[in-house]
Amino acid sequence: MHPIVIIGSGMAGYTLAREFRKLSPEQELVMICADDAVNYAKPTLSNAFAGKKAPEQIPLGDAAKMSTQL
């Protein structure tokens, strides 16, 4: 069977991967993105900016962590 390919590592891409995993835990997933695939909640960016958080403090997980989870 061919892998499922997800384009983009934003909130929608990671949500799709999580939901797909619930349906098919063994199916191979491939995520293609143009950035470092760091997972962060975009709606909280304004709070992070207001709180003067450094960019390193915002991510919920890097690509390696997300790969392990999914």
N, C-alpha and C. Protein backbone atom coordinates (compact mmCIF):
# COMPACT_ATOMS: atom_id res chain seq x y z
N MET A 1 0.85 -1.17 0.00
CA MET A 1 0.00 0.00 0.00
C MET A 1 0.90 1.24 0.00
N HIS A 2 0.48 2.25 -0.71
CA HIS A 2 1.24 3.50 -0.78
C HIS A 2 1.06 4.31 0.50
N PRO A 3 2.07 5.10 0.86
CA PRO A 3 1.92 5.94 2.06
C PRO A 3 0.92 7.06 1.83
N ILE A 4 0.34 7.52 2.90
CA ILE A 4 -0.51 8.70 2.87
C ILE A 4 0.42 9.90 2.94
N VAL A 5 0.28 10.85 2.03
CA VAL A 5 1.15 12.02 1.98
C VAL A 5 0.35 13.23 2.42
N ILE A 6 0.86 13.93 3.42
CA ILE A 6 0.25 15.16 3.92
C ILE A 6 1.17 16.31 3.55
N ILE A 7 0.63 17.29 2.87
CA ILE A 7 1.41 18.47 2.48
C ILE A 7 1.19 19.56 3.53
N GLY A 8 2.25 19.94 4.20
CA GLY A 8 2.18 21.02 5.19
C GLY A 8 2.19 20.50 6.61
N SER A 9 2.94 21.18 7.46
CA SER A 9 3.07 20.76 8.85
C SER A 9 2.41 21.74 9.80
N GLY A 10 1.43 22.45 9.32
CA GLY A 10 0.70 23.38 10.18
C GLY A 10 -0.31 22.64 11.03
N MET A 11 -1.15 23.40 11.67
CA MET A 11 -2.17 22.85 12.55
C MET A 11 -3.05 21.84 11.81
N ALA A 12 -3.43 22.17 10.58
CA ALA A 12 -4.30 21.26 9.80
C ALA A 12 -3.57 19.97 9.46
N GLY A 13 -2.31 20.06 9.08
CA GLY A 13 -1.54 18.86 8.73
C GLY A 13 -1.38 17.92 9.91
N TYR A 14 -0.99 18.47 11.06
CA TYR A 14 -0.81 17.63 12.24
C TYR A 14 -2.15 17.10 12.77
N THR A 15 -3.21 17.87 12.66
CA THR A 15 -4.53 17.38 13.08
C THR A 15 -4.97 16.23 12.18
N LEU A 16 -4.76 16.39 10.88
CA LEU A 16 -5.10 15.31 9.95
C LEU A 16 -4.32 14.05 10.29
N ALA A 17 -3.03 14.19 10.56
CA ALA A 17 -2.20 13.03 10.90
C ALA A 17 -2.71 12.35 12.18
N ARG A 18 -3.05 13.12 13.20
CA ARG A 18 -3.56 12.55 14.46
C ARG A 18 -4.86 11.79 14.24
N GLU A 19 -5.77 12.42 13.50
CA GLU A 19 -7.07 11.78 13.26
C GLU A 19 -6.92 10.54 12.39
N PHE A 20 -6.04 10.60 11.40
CA PHE A 20 -5.81 9.43 10.55
C PHE A 20 -5.21 8.28 11.37
N ARG A 21 -4.32 8.60 12.30
CA ARG A 21 -3.70 7.58 13.15
C ARG A 21 -4.75 6.82 13.96
N LYS A 22 -5.80 7.50 14.36
CA LYS A 22 -6.87 6.84 15.11
C LYS A 22 -7.55 5.78 14.25
N LEU A 23 -7.65 6.05 12.95
CA LEU A 23 -8.30 5.11 12.04
C LEU A 23 -7.37 4.02 11.54
N SER A 24 -6.11 4.37 11.39
CA SER A 24 -5.15 3.43 10.80
C SER A 24 -3.78 3.59 11.46
N PRO A 25 -3.55 2.91 12.57
CA PRO A 25 -2.31 3.09 13.31
C PRO A 25 -1.06 2.58 12.59
N GLU A 26 -1.20 1.68 11.63
CA GLU A 26 -0.04 1.09 10.98
C GLU A 26 0.27 1.68 9.59
N GLN A 27 -0.66 2.39 9.00
CA GLN A 27 -0.46 2.95 7.66
C GLN A 27 0.68 3.96 7.66
N GLU A 28 1.57 3.88 6.70
CA GLU A 28 2.68 4.81 6.62
C GLU A 28 2.18 6.21 6.26
N LEU A 29 2.68 7.21 7.00
CA LEU A 29 2.37 8.62 6.73
C LEU A 29 3.66 9.34 6.36
N VAL A 30 3.57 10.22 5.38
CA VAL A 30 4.69 11.07 5.00
C VAL A 30 4.20 12.51 5.03
N MET A 31 4.92 13.37 5.74
CA MET A 31 4.56 14.77 5.79
C MET A 31 5.63 15.57 5.07
N ILE A 32 5.20 16.39 4.12
CA ILE A 32 6.11 17.22 3.36
C ILE A 32 5.85 18.68 3.71
N CYS A 33 6.91 19.39 4.05
CA CYS A 33 6.74 20.80 4.40
C CYS A 33 7.96 21.60 3.94
N ALA A 34 7.78 22.89 3.86
CA ALA A 34 8.85 23.78 3.40
C ALA A 34 9.61 24.41 4.55
N ASP A 35 9.22 24.07 5.79
CA ASP A 35 9.90 24.65 6.95
C ASP A 35 10.45 23.53 7.82
N ASP A 36 10.72 23.82 9.07
CA ASP A 36 11.32 22.82 9.97
C ASP A 36 10.29 21.90 10.63
N ALA A 37 9.02 22.03 10.29
CA ALA A 37 7.93 21.16 10.77
C ALA A 37 7.71 21.23 12.27
N VAL A 38 8.12 22.32 12.90
CA VAL A 38 7.87 22.50 14.33
C VAL A 38 6.37 22.68 14.53
N ASN A 39 5.84 21.99 15.52
CA ASN A 39 4.41 22.07 15.82
C ASN A 39 4.18 23.15 16.87
N TYR A 40 3.33 24.09 16.55
CA TYR A 40 2.93 25.11 17.51
C TYR A 40 1.52 25.55 17.18
N ALA A 41 0.83 26.04 18.18
CA ALA A 41 -0.54 26.50 17.99
C ALA A 41 -0.52 27.95 17.53
N LYS A 42 -0.87 28.17 16.29
CA LYS A 42 -0.84 29.53 15.74
C LYS A 42 -1.72 30.52 16.51
N PRO A 43 -2.88 30.10 17.03
CA PRO A 43 -3.70 31.06 17.79
C PRO A 43 -2.99 31.62 19.03
N THR A 44 -2.01 30.91 19.56
CA THR A 44 -1.33 31.39 20.76
C THR A 44 -0.13 32.30 20.44
N LEU A 45 0.12 32.54 19.17
CA LEU A 45 1.25 33.38 18.81
C LEU A 45 1.13 34.79 19.37
N SER A 46 -0.08 35.34 19.35
CA SER A 46 -0.24 36.70 19.88
C SER A 46 0.04 36.74 21.37
N ASN A 47 -0.38 35.70 22.10
CA ASN A 47 -0.07 35.64 23.53
C ASN A 47 1.43 35.51 23.77
N ALA A 48 2.09 34.71 22.94
CA ALA A 48 3.53 34.54 23.08
C ALA A 48 4.24 35.86 22.79
N PHE A 49 3.78 36.56 21.78
CA PHE A 49 4.36 37.85 21.44
C PHE A 49 4.17 38.85 22.58
N ALA A 50 2.95 38.91 23.11
CA ALA A 50 2.65 39.83 24.20
C ALA A 50 3.46 39.48 25.45
N GLY A 51 3.70 38.19 25.66
CA GLY A 51 4.47 37.74 26.82
C GLY A 51 5.96 37.78 26.60
N LYS A 52 6.38 38.30 25.43
CA LYS A 52 7.80 38.42 25.08
C LYS A 52 8.54 37.09 25.17
N LYS A 53 7.86 36.03 24.72
CA LYS A 53 8.51 34.72 24.69
C LYS A 53 9.45 34.64 23.50
N ALA A 54 10.54 33.94 23.69
CA ALA A 54 11.48 33.70 22.61
C ALA A 54 10.90 32.64 21.67
N PRO A 55 11.27 32.65 20.41
CA PRO A 55 10.74 31.65 19.46
C PRO A 55 10.94 30.21 19.93
N GLU A 56 12.02 29.95 20.65
CA GLU A 56 12.30 28.59 21.13
C GLU A 56 11.31 28.14 22.21
N GLN A 57 10.59 29.06 22.81
CA GLN A 57 9.65 28.73 23.88
C GLN A 57 8.25 28.41 23.37
N ILE A 58 7.99 28.63 22.11
CA ILE A 58 6.65 28.48 21.56
C ILE A 58 6.31 27.05 21.12
N PRO A 59 7.24 26.32 20.51
CA PRO A 59 6.87 25.01 19.94
C PRO A 59 6.34 24.00 20.95
N LEU A 60 5.39 23.21 20.49
CA LEU A 60 4.87 22.10 21.27
C LEU A 60 5.67 20.83 21.00
N GLY A 61 6.36 20.81 19.87
CA GLY A 61 7.18 19.66 19.51
C GLY A 61 7.88 19.88 18.20
N ASP A 62 9.10 19.38 18.09
CA ASP A 62 9.82 19.47 16.82
C ASP A 62 9.43 18.29 15.94
N ALA A 63 10.00 18.26 14.74
CA ALA A 63 9.63 17.22 13.77
C ALA A 63 9.90 15.81 14.31
N ALA A 64 11.00 15.62 15.02
CA ALA A 64 11.32 14.31 15.55
C ALA A 64 10.29 13.85 16.60
N LYS A 65 9.92 14.76 17.49
CA LYS A 65 8.92 14.42 18.51
C LYS A 65 7.58 14.10 17.87
N MET A 66 7.19 14.90 16.88
CA MET A 66 5.91 14.66 16.23
C MET A 66 5.92 13.34 15.47
N SER A 67 7.04 13.02 14.86
CA SER A 67 7.16 11.75 14.14
C SER A 67 6.97 10.57 15.10
N THR A 68 7.56 10.66 16.28
CA THR A 68 7.42 9.60 17.27
C THR A 68 5.97 9.46 17.73
N GLN A 69 5.32 10.60 17.94
CA GLN A 69 3.92 10.57 18.39
C GLN A 69 2.98 10.00 17.34
N LEU A 70 3.28 10.32 16.08
CA LEU A 70 2.35 9.95 15.01
C LEU A 70 2.81 8.76 14.21
